[in-house]
């Protein structure tokens, strides 16, 4: 046990503390009986809009989730993302009232404190109505910026200016807790922390000059980087314009003769321009089913007639009609398609078109009906064929009639197992370690648990829409094998996240995963898809 001579005991310190008096504190520096708030005991509404609550509409916003009363779980895979469960509120529960006191907070205040409270309240009301800039108001009376406005301001703000001089160093409480004296404050510099000995004027001058040179080089580098980015953006735009002209002036007018040329294949690997995608997909996928706009109108008319007749039935009778479950599921799922685009939500410009296309397809394929995941496929088609829902219906029907999507649509176990085997055999060749881990008996993972979301939604469940469109560019021309390559590429891009336990793998790639995958740059991903199909060292493709 260490002992220090002259060290005071705990009892001595307490006695010394108790003997202290406040005689040195002037009387005018002490305030008694003063409230801490300008409006004690009241709701402080001067930071809020006065009509926020009273004018709130009871009609659901088009940007909110579907009504809980319309939720239906038909055709949703186990663990698939869906609207959150409705809150379990007691039917007789009410919103708690604001607390009310029979005795006012100001009753115990003296006359001086009451006057001060009233003055603070008047000041607060004036500050809330003051149109002056927020920076000129007290911090406690300034409403915070909304995150949306802050993000918008940051996005439109110009590049920050490079500082000419570093700020004068001040005291840091954690490193220099002792207040700075006037003598020390007089010798503080811009390039030396306050807790270190000050620099000489000569050294400070030299370091400031070096700082200015460094900032000048940084500004020049930033200027060059911005110019390089601008040049790259202009190059991409010029390339897109050039590719668009080739599709419009050369490929589409001479489709049958040009589509088989090797250089045309390189063209679709570069990606179809968004403006031409709808037309190119329609031509490339074809119309083996020989559907027309009249077919779409007939199917949609049948859906409307059936929906009208079902709506007149009692609730208990609706449960016996599978079509009622289809229509309810379509109503539930349409607003959740590409939420970032905000065009399929209730009241969006493409909401009705997508809903009609899905209902028409459910009537056309009444043996299948509406299957969860079809809404994501149809949504992307409607997005690229916004003014022609009949054309989107024709492309959707022919697209899902190809062997691989049809197998997952009707749940054909033999065809699905064959697809799983093709993916795993390619994965064993391209990513042997990942293949061994995913197929190990110790992991106990079944292929359908992580491949079903990819193929049933044609990669639209977790991939960004731009990446999905590039996959469909290939699928439209090259058929089902493009989907096999894309699945291997996706697994390869996510390889570093797939070496965990079964639960960890399923949290990354399965129906339960709600997050969008970050697969990197669009062109890098397409390159990975192309590499997934190469089977020998010479670059040959399967």
Protein backbone atom coordinates (compact mmCIF):
# COMPACT_ATOMS: atom_id res chain seq x y z
CA UNK A 1 0.00 0.00 0.00
CA UNK A 2 1.50 3.30 -1.09
CA UNK A 3 1.71 6.26 1.26
CA UNK A 4 2.22 9.89 0.28
CA UNK A 5 3.31 12.39 2.99
CA UNK A 6 1.04 15.38 3.40
CA UNK A 7 -1.87 13.80 1.57
CA UNK A 8 -5.26 14.74 3.06
CA UNK A 9 -7.63 12.09 4.24
CA UNK A 10 -11.24 11.79 3.08
CA UNK A 11 -12.49 13.20 6.38
CA UNK A 12 -10.22 16.24 6.06
CA UNK A 13 -11.42 16.91 2.50
CA UNK A 14 -15.07 16.68 3.55
CA UNK A 15 -14.49 19.00 6.48
CA UNK A 16 -12.73 21.49 4.23
CA UNK A 17 -15.62 21.35 1.78
CA UNK A 18 -18.22 21.89 4.49
CA UNK A 19 -16.32 24.90 5.83
CA UNK A 20 -16.46 26.69 2.44
CA UNK A 21 -18.70 29.71 2.36
CA UNK A 22 -20.26 31.65 -0.47
CA UNK A 23 -19.28 35.06 0.87
CA UNK A 24 -17.15 35.76 -2.20
CA UNK A 25 -20.11 35.34 -4.60
CA UNK A 26 -21.90 38.69 -5.21
CA UNK A 27 -25.62 38.79 -4.45
CA UNK A 28 -26.54 39.99 -7.95
CA UNK A 29 -25.01 36.81 -9.45
CA UNK A 30 -27.56 34.56 -7.73
CA UNK A 31 -31.00 33.97 -9.27
CA UNK A 32 -33.64 32.14 -7.30
CA UNK A 33 -37.01 30.69 -8.23
CA UNK A 34 -36.40 30.93 -12.01
CA UNK A 35 -37.92 28.35 -14.43
CA UNK A 36 -35.65 26.54 -16.88
CA UNK A 37 -38.16 26.74 -19.76
CA UNK A 38 -39.81 29.81 -21.31
CA UNK A 39 -43.20 28.05 -21.09
CA UNK A 40 -43.22 25.70 -18.08
CA UNK A 41 -45.91 23.06 -18.04
CA UNK A 42 -47.18 23.81 -21.56
CA UNK A 43 -46.74 22.08 -24.93
CA UNK A 44 -43.94 23.93 -26.71
CA UNK A 45 -45.45 24.13 -30.19
CA UNK A 46 -43.43 27.04 -31.47
CA UNK A 47 -41.01 24.61 -33.11
CA UNK A 48 -43.80 22.83 -34.97
CA UNK A 49 -46.15 23.78 -37.71
CA UNK A 50 -49.45 24.79 -36.09
CA UNK A 51 -51.47 22.73 -38.54
CA UNK A 52 -49.36 19.59 -38.68
CA UNK A 53 -51.68 17.49 -36.57
CA UNK A 54 -55.04 19.14 -37.06
CA UNK A 55 -54.90 19.03 -40.86
CA UNK A 56 -53.49 15.52 -41.18
CA UNK A 57 -55.58 13.62 -43.67
CA UNK A 58 -57.05 10.23 -42.85
CA UNK A 59 -56.60 9.15 -46.46
CA UNK A 60 -53.50 6.97 -46.89
CA UNK A 61 -50.67 8.65 -48.78
CA UNK A 62 -49.77 7.06 -52.14
CA UNK A 63 -46.21 6.72 -50.82
CA UNK A 64 -47.18 4.66 -47.79
CA UNK A 65 -47.43 0.89 -47.58
CA UNK A 66 -50.71 -0.77 -48.67
CA UNK A 67 -53.52 -0.88 -46.15
CA UNK A 68 -53.18 -3.70 -43.67
CA UNK A 69 -56.72 -4.77 -44.45
CA UNK A 70 -55.66 -5.60 -48.02
CA UNK A 71 -52.70 -7.79 -47.09
CA UNK A 72 -52.77 -11.31 -48.43
CA UNK A 73 -50.06 -13.93 -48.15
CA UNK A 74 -51.05 -16.05 -51.15
CA UNK A 75 -48.16 -16.98 -53.42
CA UNK A 76 -45.53 -15.24 -51.26
CA UNK A 77 -42.56 -17.58 -50.71
CA UNK A 78 -41.56 -18.40 -47.17
CA UNK A 79 -39.36 -15.67 -45.65
CA UNK A 80 -39.89 -13.42 -48.69
CA UNK A 81 -40.00 -9.71 -47.97
CA UNK A 82 -43.49 -8.39 -47.63
CA UNK A 83 -45.26 -5.41 -46.04
CA UNK A 84 -44.71 -5.37 -42.32
CA UNK A 85 -47.33 -6.91 -40.07
CA UNK A 86 -50.11 -4.62 -38.85
CA UNK A 87 -49.70 -3.15 -35.39
CA UNK A 88 -51.49 -5.01 -32.64
CA UNK A 89 -53.48 -2.20 -31.07
CA UNK A 90 -56.22 -2.90 -28.56
CA UNK A 91 -59.58 -1.99 -30.14
CA UNK A 92 -60.61 0.07 -27.13
CA UNK A 93 -57.30 1.84 -26.66
CA UNK A 94 -57.25 5.56 -27.15
CA UNK A 95 -54.55 8.10 -27.67
CA UNK A 96 -53.43 9.29 -24.23
CA UNK A 97 -54.37 12.83 -23.45
CA UNK A 98 -51.85 15.49 -22.69
CA UNK A 99 -51.08 15.61 -18.98
CA UNK A 100 -53.12 18.22 -17.16
CA UNK A 101 -52.28 19.75 -13.83
CA UNK A 102 -54.84 21.27 -11.54
CA UNK A 103 -52.10 23.51 -10.16
CA UNK A 104 -50.08 25.70 -12.47
CA UNK A 105 -46.28 25.48 -12.56
CA UNK A 106 -46.10 29.24 -12.05
CA UNK A 107 -48.09 29.29 -8.81
CA UNK A 108 -44.97 28.85 -6.68
CA UNK A 109 -42.92 31.47 -8.55
CA UNK A 110 -42.34 34.88 -7.09
CA UNK A 111 -43.29 38.06 -8.95
CA UNK A 112 -39.85 38.51 -10.54
CA UNK A 113 -39.76 34.90 -11.79
CA UNK A 114 -43.28 35.16 -13.24
CA UNK A 115 -42.32 38.30 -15.18
CA UNK A 116 -39.19 36.58 -16.48
CA UNK A 117 -41.23 33.54 -17.57
CA UNK A 118 -43.70 35.74 -19.43
CA UNK A 119 -40.87 37.61 -21.12
CA UNK A 120 -39.25 34.33 -22.21
CA UNK A 121 -42.57 33.10 -23.60
CA UNK A 122 -43.11 36.28 -25.62
CA UNK A 123 -39.54 36.07 -26.90
CA UNK A 124 -40.01 32.45 -27.94
CA UNK A 125 -43.18 33.24 -29.89
CA UNK A 126 -41.51 36.16 -31.68
CA UNK A 127 -38.48 34.03 -32.53
CA UNK A 128 -40.72 31.32 -34.00
CA UNK A 129 -42.43 33.88 -36.27
CA UNK A 130 -39.24 35.75 -37.14
CA UNK A 131 -38.38 35.28 -40.86
CA UNK A 132 -34.74 36.12 -40.18
CA UNK A 133 -32.12 33.52 -41.08
CA UNK A 134 -31.86 30.63 -38.65
CA UNK A 135 -28.21 31.38 -38.04
CA UNK A 136 -29.20 34.67 -36.36
CA UNK A 137 -31.56 33.00 -33.90
CA UNK A 138 -30.74 31.27 -30.65
CA UNK A 139 -29.83 27.62 -31.16
CA UNK A 140 -32.64 26.35 -28.93
CA UNK A 141 -35.28 28.11 -31.02
CA UNK A 142 -34.03 27.03 -34.41
CA UNK A 143 -35.89 24.10 -35.94
CA UNK A 144 -33.53 21.49 -37.37
CA UNK A 145 -33.32 20.96 -41.08
CA UNK A 146 -35.11 17.96 -42.48
CA UNK A 147 -32.84 15.16 -43.73
CA UNK A 148 -34.29 15.49 -47.23
CA UNK A 149 -33.54 19.20 -47.45
CA UNK A 150 -30.06 18.70 -46.01
CA UNK A 151 -29.32 16.01 -48.57
CA UNK A 152 -30.67 18.17 -51.38
CA UNK A 153 -28.57 21.14 -50.28
CA UNK A 154 -25.45 19.01 -50.02
CA UNK A 155 -26.07 17.56 -53.47
CA UNK A 156 -26.42 20.98 -55.07
CA UNK A 157 -23.63 22.63 -53.13
CA UNK A 158 -20.51 23.44 -55.11
CA UNK A 159 -17.21 21.81 -54.33
CA UNK A 160 -15.89 23.08 -51.00
CA UNK A 161 -13.22 25.73 -51.26
CA UNK A 162 -9.70 24.79 -50.30
CA UNK A 163 -8.75 26.68 -47.09
CA UNK A 164 -6.03 29.29 -47.54
CA UNK A 165 -4.78 29.06 -43.95
CA UNK A 166 -5.40 26.52 -41.22
CA UNK A 167 -7.49 27.82 -38.31
CA UNK A 168 -5.81 29.16 -35.20
CA UNK A 169 -5.35 26.29 -32.76
CA UNK A 170 -7.51 26.41 -29.66
CA UNK A 171 -7.63 24.39 -26.49
CA UNK A 172 -8.87 20.78 -26.64
CA UNK A 173 -10.48 19.88 -23.33
CA UNK A 174 -9.55 16.20 -23.49
CA UNK A 175 -5.87 16.94 -24.12
CA UNK A 176 -5.43 20.37 -22.54
CA UNK A 177 -8.03 20.75 -19.76
CA UNK A 178 -6.36 23.78 -18.19
CA UNK A 179 -7.83 27.07 -19.50
CA UNK A 180 -5.51 29.02 -21.80
CA UNK A 181 -3.94 32.06 -20.19
CA UNK A 182 -3.75 35.40 -21.95
CA UNK A 183 0.01 35.03 -22.29
CA UNK A 184 -0.34 31.63 -23.96
CA UNK A 185 -3.21 32.81 -26.15
CA UNK A 186 -0.99 35.58 -27.51
CA UNK A 187 1.54 33.08 -28.88
CA UNK A 188 -0.87 30.48 -30.29
CA UNK A 189 -0.18 29.62 -33.93
CA UNK A 190 -2.06 27.96 -36.78
CA UNK A 191 0.26 24.98 -37.18
CA UNK A 192 0.98 23.93 -33.59
CA UNK A 193 -1.54 22.45 -31.08
CA UNK A 194 -2.21 24.52 -27.99
CA UNK A 195 -0.78 21.93 -25.58
CA UNK A 196 2.67 21.98 -27.25
CA UNK A 197 5.34 24.69 -26.97
CA UNK A 198 4.78 27.52 -29.48
CA UNK A 199 6.79 27.77 -32.68
CA UNK A 200 9.12 30.57 -33.59
CA UNK A 201 7.80 33.14 -36.07
CA UNK A 202 10.28 31.95 -38.71
CA UNK A 203 9.19 28.33 -38.39
CA UNK A 204 5.52 29.31 -38.41
CA UNK A 205 5.99 31.37 -41.57
CA UNK A 206 7.74 28.46 -43.32
CA UNK A 207 5.05 25.99 -42.34
CA UNK A 208 2.26 28.30 -43.47
CA UNK A 209 3.93 28.62 -46.85
CA UNK A 210 4.22 24.84 -47.11
CA UNK A 211 0.55 24.53 -46.16
CA UNK A 212 -0.47 26.96 -48.90
CA UNK A 213 1.57 25.03 -51.45
CA UNK A 214 -0.01 21.78 -50.33
CA UNK A 215 -3.52 23.25 -50.59
CA UNK A 216 -2.72 24.63 -54.05
CA UNK A 217 -1.65 21.17 -55.20
CA UNK A 218 -4.82 19.68 -53.72
CA UNK A 219 -6.96 22.24 -55.53
CA UNK A 220 -5.19 21.50 -58.80
CA UNK A 221 -5.66 17.75 -58.31
CA UNK A 222 -9.35 18.26 -57.55
CA UNK A 223 -9.72 20.39 -60.65
CA UNK A 224 -8.07 17.73 -62.81
CA UNK A 225 -10.22 14.99 -61.28
CA UNK A 226 -13.41 16.96 -61.97
CA UNK A 227 -12.30 17.60 -65.55
CA UNK A 228 -11.50 13.90 -66.00
CA UNK A 229 -14.90 12.88 -64.62
CA UNK A 230 -16.62 15.38 -66.90
CA UNK A 231 -14.70 14.08 -69.89
CA UNK A 232 -15.57 10.47 -69.01
CA UNK A 233 -19.24 11.39 -68.65
CA UNK A 234 -19.25 13.12 -72.02
CA UNK A 235 -17.53 10.10 -73.58
CA UNK A 236 -20.17 7.77 -72.16
CA UNK A 237 -22.97 9.99 -73.44
CA UNK A 238 -21.41 10.14 -76.89
CA UNK A 239 -21.04 6.35 -76.93
CA UNK A 240 -24.67 5.91 -75.86
CA UNK A 241 -25.80 8.27 -78.62
CA UNK A 242 -23.71 6.35 -81.13
CA UNK A 243 -25.08 2.98 -79.99
CA UNK A 244 -28.63 4.36 -80.09
CA UNK A 245 -28.16 5.49 -83.70
CA UNK A 246 -26.84 2.04 -84.65
CA UNK A 247 -29.89 0.34 -83.12
CA UNK A 248 -32.36 2.80 -84.66
CA UNK A 249 -30.81 3.27 -88.10
CA UNK A 250 -29.09 -0.06 -88.76
CA UNK A 251 -30.28 -2.94 -86.56
CA UNK A 252 -34.02 -2.40 -86.17
CA UNK A 253 -34.73 -1.60 -89.87
CA UNK A 254 -32.68 -4.62 -91.02
CA UNK A 255 -33.44 -6.95 -88.13
CA UNK A 256 -33.46 -10.36 -89.79
CA UNK A 257 -30.23 -9.77 -91.69
CA UNK A 258 -28.25 -7.93 -89.01
CA UNK A 259 -29.20 -9.74 -85.79
CA UNK A 260 -27.08 -12.79 -86.66
CA UNK A 261 -23.91 -10.82 -87.32
CA UNK A 262 -21.09 -11.17 -84.72
CA UNK A 263 -20.75 -7.41 -84.39
CA UNK A 264 -24.42 -7.19 -83.43
CA UNK A 265 -23.74 -9.65 -80.62
CA UNK A 266 -21.04 -7.32 -79.34
CA UNK A 267 -23.62 -4.56 -79.52
CA UNK A 268 -26.07 -6.21 -77.13
CA UNK A 269 -23.24 -7.14 -74.78
CA UNK A 270 -22.52 -3.43 -74.56
CA UNK A 271 -26.14 -2.89 -73.60
CA UNK A 272 -29.23 -1.72 -75.40
CA UNK A 273 -29.90 1.97 -74.92
CA UNK A 274 -32.82 2.61 -72.53
CA UNK A 275 -34.75 4.50 -75.20
CA UNK A 276 -34.74 1.46 -77.50
CA UNK A 277 -35.01 -1.33 -74.93
CA UNK A 278 -38.74 -1.88 -75.14
CA UNK A 279 -38.73 -2.23 -78.91
CA UNK A 280 -35.55 -4.34 -78.98
CA UNK A 281 -36.80 -6.71 -76.29
CA UNK A 282 -40.09 -7.15 -78.16
CA UNK A 283 -38.30 -8.05 -81.39
CA UNK A 284 -35.67 -10.29 -79.76
CA UNK A 285 -38.04 -12.26 -77.52
CA UNK A 286 -40.53 -12.68 -80.32
CA UNK A 287 -44.18 -13.69 -80.21
CA UNK A 288 -44.40 -17.46 -80.49
CA UNK A 289 -47.73 -17.34 -78.67
CA UNK A 290 -49.12 -15.08 -81.42
CA UNK A 291 -50.73 -12.70 -78.97
CA UNK A 292 -52.14 -9.36 -80.05
CA UNK A 293 -53.56 -6.22 -78.51
CA UNK A 294 -56.98 -7.85 -78.84
CA UNK A 295 -55.74 -10.75 -76.70
CA UNK A 296 -54.73 -8.29 -74.00
CA UNK A 297 -58.05 -6.44 -74.14
CA UNK A 298 -60.02 -9.69 -73.91
CA UNK A 299 -58.02 -10.95 -70.93
CA UNK A 300 -58.28 -7.60 -69.14
CA UNK A 301 -62.02 -7.39 -69.80
CA UNK A 302 -62.46 -10.84 -68.34
CA UNK A 303 -60.47 -9.79 -65.27
CA UNK A 304 -62.61 -6.68 -64.75
CA UNK A 305 -65.84 -8.65 -65.14
CA UNK A 306 -64.70 -11.31 -62.71
CA UNK A 307 -63.45 -8.74 -60.22
CA UNK A 308 -66.78 -6.91 -60.31
CA UNK A 309 -68.73 -10.09 -59.68
CA UNK A 310 -66.41 -11.13 -56.83
CA UNK A 311 -66.68 -7.72 -55.17
CA UNK A 312 -70.43 -8.27 -54.67
CA UNK A 313 -69.90 -11.51 -52.79
CA UNK A 314 -69.84 -11.71 -48.99
CA UNK A 315 -66.43 -11.85 -47.38
CA UNK A 316 -66.77 -15.52 -46.44
CA UNK A 317 -67.62 -16.46 -50.04
CA UNK A 318 -64.66 -14.58 -51.49
CA UNK A 319 -62.29 -17.00 -49.79
CA UNK A 320 -63.53 -19.79 -52.08
CA UNK A 321 -62.46 -17.94 -55.24
CA UNK A 322 -58.77 -18.20 -56.15
CA UNK A 323 -59.14 -15.16 -58.41
CA UNK A 324 -59.99 -13.01 -55.38
CA UNK A 325 -56.65 -13.97 -53.83
CA UNK A 326 -54.87 -13.11 -57.10
CA UNK A 327 -56.44 -9.66 -57.33
CA UNK A 328 -55.76 -8.91 -53.67
CA UNK A 329 -52.12 -9.99 -54.06
CA UNK A 330 -51.71 -7.84 -57.18
CA UNK A 331 -53.15 -4.83 -55.34
CA UNK A 332 -50.71 -5.51 -52.50
CA UNK A 333 -47.57 -6.02 -54.61
CA UNK A 334 -47.85 -3.35 -57.34
CA UNK A 335 -46.93 -0.38 -55.07
CA UNK A 336 -43.78 -2.22 -53.95
CA UNK A 337 -42.25 -2.42 -57.45
CA UNK A 338 -39.22 -0.15 -57.89
CA UNK A 339 -40.16 2.12 -54.97
CA UNK A 340 -37.25 4.45 -55.78
CA UNK A 341 -38.88 5.28 -59.14
CA UNK A 342 -42.19 6.24 -57.45
CA UNK A 343 -44.17 5.48 -60.62
CA UNK A 344 -45.91 2.28 -59.50
CA UNK A 345 -47.14 3.50 -56.14
CA UNK A 346 -50.79 4.38 -55.64
CA UNK A 347 -51.50 7.36 -57.88
CA UNK A 348 -48.27 6.91 -59.88
CA UNK A 349 -48.40 7.30 -63.63
CA UNK A 350 -47.71 3.59 -64.28
CA UNK A 351 -49.62 2.09 -61.36
CA UNK A 352 -52.79 1.31 -63.33
CA UNK A 353 -50.86 -0.04 -66.33
CA UNK A 354 -48.88 -2.53 -64.25
CA UNK A 355 -51.98 -3.61 -62.34
CA UNK A 356 -53.88 -4.22 -65.60
CA UNK A 357 -50.99 -6.16 -67.18
CA UNK A 358 -50.77 -8.46 -64.16
CA UNK A 359 -54.52 -9.05 -64.04
CA UNK A 360 -54.63 -9.75 -67.77
CA UNK A 361 -51.76 -12.23 -67.50
CA UNK A 362 -53.43 -13.99 -64.55
CA UNK A 363 -56.53 -14.46 -66.70
CA UNK A 364 -54.51 -15.52 -69.74
CA UNK A 365 -52.63 -18.14 -67.69
CA UNK A 366 -55.49 -19.07 -65.40
CA UNK A 367 -53.81 -22.43 -64.83
CA UNK A 368 -51.01 -20.54 -63.08
CA UNK A 369 -52.70 -17.32 -62.01
CA UNK A 370 -50.66 -14.67 -60.26
CA UNK A 371 -47.37 -15.88 -58.78
CA UNK A 372 -45.30 -13.72 -56.45
CA UNK A 373 -42.34 -12.27 -58.35
CA UNK A 374 -44.22 -11.72 -61.60
CA UNK A 375 -44.93 -8.15 -60.50
CA UNK A 376 -41.20 -7.34 -60.54
CA UNK A 377 -40.76 -8.72 -64.06
CA UNK A 378 -43.85 -6.99 -65.42
CA UNK A 379 -42.88 -3.75 -63.68
CA UNK A 380 -39.60 -3.49 -65.58
CA UNK A 381 -41.36 -4.24 -68.87
CA UNK A 382 -43.98 -1.56 -68.23
CA UNK A 383 -41.19 0.87 -67.32
CA UNK A 384 -39.56 0.40 -70.75
CA UNK A 385 -42.91 0.20 -72.60
CA UNK A 386 -44.75 2.94 -70.72
CA UNK A 387 -47.26 3.86 -73.41
CA UNK A 388 -48.17 0.38 -74.60
CA UNK A 389 -49.45 -1.99 -71.88
CA UNK A 390 -50.61 -4.43 -74.56
CA UNK A 391 -47.02 -4.74 -75.84
CA UNK A 392 -45.77 -5.24 -72.26
CA UNK A 393 -48.35 -8.02 -71.83
CA UNK A 394 -47.22 -9.74 -75.04
CA UNK A 395 -43.54 -9.57 -74.05
CA UNK A 396 -44.32 -10.79 -70.51
CA UNK A 397 -46.29 -13.80 -71.74
CA UNK A 398 -43.63 -14.85 -74.25
CA UNK A 399 -40.78 -14.14 -71.85
CA UNK A 400 -42.27 -16.35 -69.13
CA UNK A 401 -43.10 -19.05 -71.68
CA UNK A 402 -39.42 -19.84 -72.22
CA UNK A 403 -38.31 -23.11 -70.60
CA UNK A 404 -36.38 -21.82 -67.60
CA UNK A 405 -38.82 -19.13 -66.34
CA UNK A 406 -41.77 -21.43 -67.02
CA UNK A 407 -40.23 -24.16 -64.87
CA UNK A 408 -40.06 -21.83 -61.86
CA UNK A 409 -43.45 -20.29 -62.66
CA UNK A 410 -45.31 -23.63 -62.58
CA UNK A 411 -42.87 -25.16 -60.10
CA UNK A 412 -41.71 -28.05 -62.27
CA UNK A 413 -39.33 -29.97 -59.94
CA UNK A 414 -37.57 -31.87 -62.75
CA UNK A 415 -36.81 -28.77 -64.83
CA UNK A 416 -35.84 -26.79 -61.73
CA UNK A 417 -33.40 -29.52 -60.65
CA UNK A 418 -31.85 -29.47 -64.12
CA UNK A 419 -31.34 -25.71 -63.84
CA UNK A 420 -29.78 -26.10 -60.41
CA UNK A 421 -27.38 -28.69 -61.78
CA UNK A 422 -26.32 -26.41 -64.65
CA UNK A 423 -25.60 -23.56 -62.24
CA UNK A 424 -23.66 -25.75 -59.81
CA UNK A 425 -21.62 -27.44 -62.53
CA UNK A 426 -20.60 -24.05 -63.92
CA UNK A 427 -19.93 -22.78 -60.40
CA UNK A 428 -17.70 -25.79 -59.72
CA UNK A 429 -15.61 -24.87 -62.76
CA UNK A 430 -15.43 -21.10 -62.13
CA UNK A 431 -15.51 -20.91 -58.30
CA UNK A 432 -14.57 -24.35 -56.93
CA UNK A 433 -14.14 -23.24 -53.31
CA UNK A 434 -17.54 -21.56 -53.23
CA UNK A 435 -19.13 -24.58 -54.89
CA UNK A 436 -17.65 -26.95 -52.31
CA UNK A 437 -18.90 -24.78 -49.46
CA UNK A 438 -22.46 -24.31 -50.76
CA UNK A 439 -22.87 -28.01 -51.57
CA UNK A 440 -21.21 -29.41 -48.44
CA UNK A 441 -23.31 -31.75 -46.33
CA UNK A 442 -22.16 -29.93 -43.21
CA UNK A 443 -23.80 -26.72 -44.43
CA UNK A 444 -27.04 -28.52 -45.33
CA UNK A 445 -28.12 -25.95 -47.91
CA UNK A 446 -30.50 -26.86 -50.74
CA UNK A 447 -30.00 -25.17 -54.16
CA UNK A 448 -33.60 -23.99 -54.36
CA UNK A 449 -33.17 -21.99 -51.15
CA UNK A 450 -30.83 -19.49 -52.81
CA UNK A 451 -31.48 -19.97 -56.56
CA UNK A 452 -35.28 -19.78 -56.50
CA UNK A 453 -35.37 -15.98 -55.85
CA UNK A 454 -32.98 -15.41 -58.76
CA UNK A 455 -34.87 -17.34 -61.40
CA UNK A 456 -38.47 -16.83 -60.33
CA UNK A 457 -38.02 -13.04 -60.44
CA UNK A 458 -35.47 -13.11 -63.29
CA UNK A 459 -32.95 -11.37 -60.98
CA UNK A 460 -35.28 -8.47 -60.17
CA UNK A 461 -35.61 -9.34 -56.46
CA UNK A 462 -32.27 -8.04 -55.14
CA UNK A 463 -30.36 -6.61 -58.11
CA UNK A 464 -30.49 -2.93 -59.11
CA UNK A 465 -32.83 -2.30 -62.04
CA UNK A 466 -29.91 -1.20 -64.25
CA UNK A 467 -28.13 -4.54 -63.71
CA UNK A 468 -31.37 -6.45 -64.30
CA UNK A 469 -31.91 -4.62 -67.58
CA UNK A 470 -28.41 -5.55 -68.75
CA UNK A 471 -29.09 -9.23 -67.93
CA UNK A 472 -32.34 -9.05 -69.90
CA UNK A 473 -30.48 -7.52 -72.84
CA UNK A 474 -28.53 -10.77 -72.99
CA UNK A 475 -31.49 -13.00 -72.15
CA UNK A 476 -33.62 -11.54 -74.94
CA UNK A 477 -31.07 -12.63 -77.56
CA UNK A 478 -29.24 -15.59 -76.03
CA UNK A 479 -32.03 -17.31 -74.13
CA UNK A 480 -31.87 -19.34 -70.93
CA UNK A 481 -28.11 -19.84 -70.96
CA UNK A 482 -27.68 -16.12 -70.25
CA UNK A 483 -29.59 -16.61 -66.99
CA UNK A 484 -27.28 -19.49 -65.98
CA UNK A 485 -24.24 -17.30 -66.59
CA UNK A 486 -25.82 -14.42 -64.69
CA UNK A 487 -26.55 -16.65 -61.68
CA UNK A 488 -22.93 -17.83 -61.56
CA UNK A 489 -21.72 -14.23 -61.88
CA UNK A 490 -23.97 -13.09 -59.01
CA UNK A 491 -22.69 -15.88 -56.77
CA UNK A 492 -19.13 -14.98 -57.72
CA UNK A 493 -19.67 -11.30 -56.91
CA UNK A 494 -21.10 -12.25 -53.51
CA UNK A 495 -18.48 -14.95 -52.84
CA UNK A 496 -16.82 -13.20 -49.90
CA UNK A 497 -20.18 -13.08 -48.06
CA UNK A 498 -21.18 -16.70 -48.68
CA UNK A 499 -18.63 -18.61 -46.61
CA UNK A 500 -20.55 -18.46 -43.34
CA UNK A 501 -23.06 -20.78 -41.74
CA UNK A 502 -26.35 -21.73 -43.35
CA UNK A 503 -28.19 -18.90 -41.64
CA UNK A 504 -25.53 -16.39 -42.65
CA UNK A 505 -25.70 -17.51 -46.28
CA UNK A 506 -29.49 -17.34 -46.34
CA UNK A 507 -29.37 -13.86 -44.84
CA UNK A 508 -27.39 -12.77 -47.91
CA UNK A 509 -28.99 -14.67 -50.78
CA UNK A 510 -32.50 -16.03 -50.25
CA UNK A 511 -36.08 -14.86 -50.01
CA UNK A 512 -35.41 -13.49 -46.53
CA UNK A 513 -32.79 -11.01 -47.78
CA UNK A 514 -34.45 -7.62 -48.20
CA UNK A 515 -31.36 -5.56 -48.98
CA UNK A 516 -30.29 -4.70 -52.50
CA UNK A 517 -26.99 -6.26 -53.47
CA UNK A 518 -24.04 -4.04 -54.22
CA UNK A 519 -22.53 -5.76 -57.25
CA UNK A 520 -20.31 -2.86 -58.25
CA UNK A 521 -20.20 -1.02 -61.53
CA UNK A 522 -22.64 -2.10 -64.22
CA UNK A 523 -19.94 -2.73 -66.82
CA UNK A 524 -17.81 -4.70 -64.36
CA UNK A 525 -20.79 -6.92 -63.56
CA UNK A 526 -21.53 -7.59 -67.24
CA UNK A 527 -17.89 -8.51 -67.70
CA UNK A 528 -18.28 -11.01 -64.83
CA UNK A 529 -21.34 -12.48 -66.56
CA UNK A 530 -19.34 -12.91 -69.75
CA UNK A 531 -16.44 -14.52 -67.90
CA UNK A 532 -18.84 -16.96 -66.26
CA UNK A 533 -19.57 -18.48 -69.67
CA UNK A 534 -15.97 -19.02 -70.75
CA UNK A 535 -14.97 -22.66 -70.40
CA UNK A 536 -11.36 -22.78 -71.60
CA UNK A 537 -8.18 -20.76 -71.43
CA UNK A 538 -8.58 -19.53 -74.99
CA UNK A 539 -11.69 -17.58 -74.12
CA UNK A 540 -14.19 -19.93 -75.74
CA UNK A 541 -17.77 -19.59 -74.49
CA UNK A 542 -20.31 -22.28 -73.80
